[in-house]
Amino acid sequence: MCYGRNAQGGTIAIGNWHEALLFTLILLCATEAAVAYDELPSKNCSDIDQTCGSLNISYPFGTRAGCYMNEDFLITCDRTYDPPTAFLRKSNIDVTDIWLWGELRITVVVAQDCYNLRGNLYTRSGTTNYNQDSWINLSKFPISSTRNKFTAIGCDTYAWIKGYSGTAYATGCMSLCSNISDVVEGSCSGIGCCQTAIPKGVMDYRINVSSYFNHKDVYGFNPCSYAFVAEEGTYNFSSEDLKDFTKRNERTQVVLNWAIGNQTCTEAKKDHPQKFACKNNGDCHDSVNGPGYWCNCSEGFEGNPYLPNGCQDINECERNPNLCHKNSTCINLNGAYNCSCLPGYEDDGKEIDGSGCKPIPPPTPPPPIPKSQTTFPLMNRIALGVSVSLLLLLLGISWLYLGLRQRKHTKLKQKFFEQNGGFMLQQQLSRHKGSVETTRIFTAEELMKATNNYHENRILGQGGQGTVYKGILSDNRIVAIKKSRTIDRSQIEQFINEVIVLSQVNHRNVVKLLGCCLETQVPMLVYEFVTNGTLFNHIHHIDHSSTLQWQLRLQIATETAGALSYLHFAASTPIIHRDIKSTNVLLDDNYVAKVSDFGASRLVPLDQTQLTTLVQGTLGYLDPEYFQSS
């Protein structure tokens, strides 16, 4: 047999495993229902469902299922009272006010401790041993720490409040006086009345009040001690309260904070955007007294921010006709308004917190022209007119000249582009699209800007083939730009083919060809920039010494040989360099060799094993047999 415990703490006996299984399923269903998403109010909720006596009940609160967000916001309306009384959920805590900005007001009883002339506890009926505590258990909505105070009244009194705010807490105060004349009206400083603050997050409390000497010495004007939590500002201490406070105040008002869920605004909107409680034109605020958040309508709107389209625009112009100045027109906007001054007036047009509308002053007449200026000689005026005309004519001629010059320059660049095989290169690039995707055709302006108009301080080196400049492109890439001296126009097609082939070379020991410029008289090639200079500079140091160790020299020689091997045998079209020397081997910061300067190179068709060419290269580096036989 299985056992369970019901909501009242009693024991439930379950006869067999079938019933145990059924009980488990019921518990699972109940758990699932408890974590169900919050719901919007049903269209069947009538006005009577949202009122209880004089209390207007706004969503997320409601009096029946389908009219509230979830069980936390249930208001039970007991219509057997006259007038009907609203209670929080299914408790005996009566609710008197609900505000959409996360607060509601309840009433609670006053704790008291009364004695007779002999110092014995008594009730109003005269029965002995009477002492009444005040307690409350909220479980969901904490007591507002900023809107309430704990107060004790009496001249032989000490009171304390105990409760739970994440951890157990207790606080209190004492109030003493020997004569009613000692009491200060309206003051709770410890003489006849004392007060203390309530901490954040308090969900429940119990108040105890007692006496030091059973009020024997002050019985004539103070037979009882009283203690209570009350909304700040609703109680003002009076000496009359020492005689019988509960005659006028059996219950006090207390403000609670309420919030939606247990997440912050950011968390709730991110985790469940469809279930986020703040609707259109509503602002979200994190709760300052426990978890959760609450909503209010944005500035310029009013209504219920928890309902779809619940926040409606405020027509400020109709609500307050005096917002705008009498010489302006009020224009209502969505969530705001504007004041427009009438013709003849200027400024912001606002009557409240504005500068209104002021008449536009008439234009200031120009100062009178001195008589000496009105008699300007005719010849001088003619000369001035001719001078202005000539100036305009010169400006027009200069503009026309510059335009014609620019047009001529553009045509010349187009002519060079065609002569240097630009259209042929474009066709080849489109045909090899994908394999030469990094090859780029640069404009003459780009390279001129990159080299600072080919300034001499940008020169990296000069040789028989041309001059190499250091360039900085618009994307801050540093490149080497080779400006050749001459080109054989009959070899343009061969040049274009070599550009295509060289752009496909991708070897760590071969300088990468990035692109070319064909808008100049002689085509220019753009290579990657190698930072550590030439091998020549490292082995022929200015003081006839070298910083290269023998192992490093072998590495450079091996990498150079590997690059030549790749060019001769592994490239898609074999390439014969024909001018390998130390000035054409570049080194990076890690002394990795990179073969450069393909100005004397030739392509070898795949179906040829031998190639006869003109002898080309640098004397002293040429193979003697090649020098003699080509």
Foldseek 3Di string as FASTA:
>chain_A
DDWDADPVRHIDDQDDVVSVVVVVVVVVVVVCVQPDFFDAADPPQDQVQQDAQPEGRQPCATADPRHHRDQQRHWHWAPVDVRIWIDGRPDPWTWDYDDQQFKTKTKWFKWKFFADLVLFTADPVGHTDDTGKTKDAQPAWAFDQPFKKKKKFEAFKWKKKWFAQVHTDMDTAAAHDQDLVVDDWQDQVRHRMHIDTDDFRTRMMMMGMDGDRSCNRPCVQARMMIIDMAGPPPDGDDSNCRRPVCVPPRMHMTMIGHAPDFAALVVCCVPPVVSRQFEPQKDWAADPRHGHIGIAGHAQWHANRRDHVRTAGDQCCVVDVQQFAPQWDWADDRRGIATGGDPQWDFRRTPPPGDHTDGDDDDDDDDDDDPVVVPPDPVVVVVVVVVVVVVVVVVVVVVVVVVVVVVVLVVLLVVLCVLLCVVVLVVVCVVVPPLLVQADADEPVQQCQQQVNVDPVQWPDADQQATWGWGQGPVRAIKIKGDGDDDDSVCSVVVSVVLVQQQNDDDPQAWHWRYWYRSDNGIMTITHDADAAWQCCQCCPPVNHHPDDPVLVVQQVVLVVVVQCCQQPVRPWRKAQLADDRNQWGQHPVGRTHGHDSVPMHTDGPVDPDDDDDRDYDPVPGDVVNPVRD
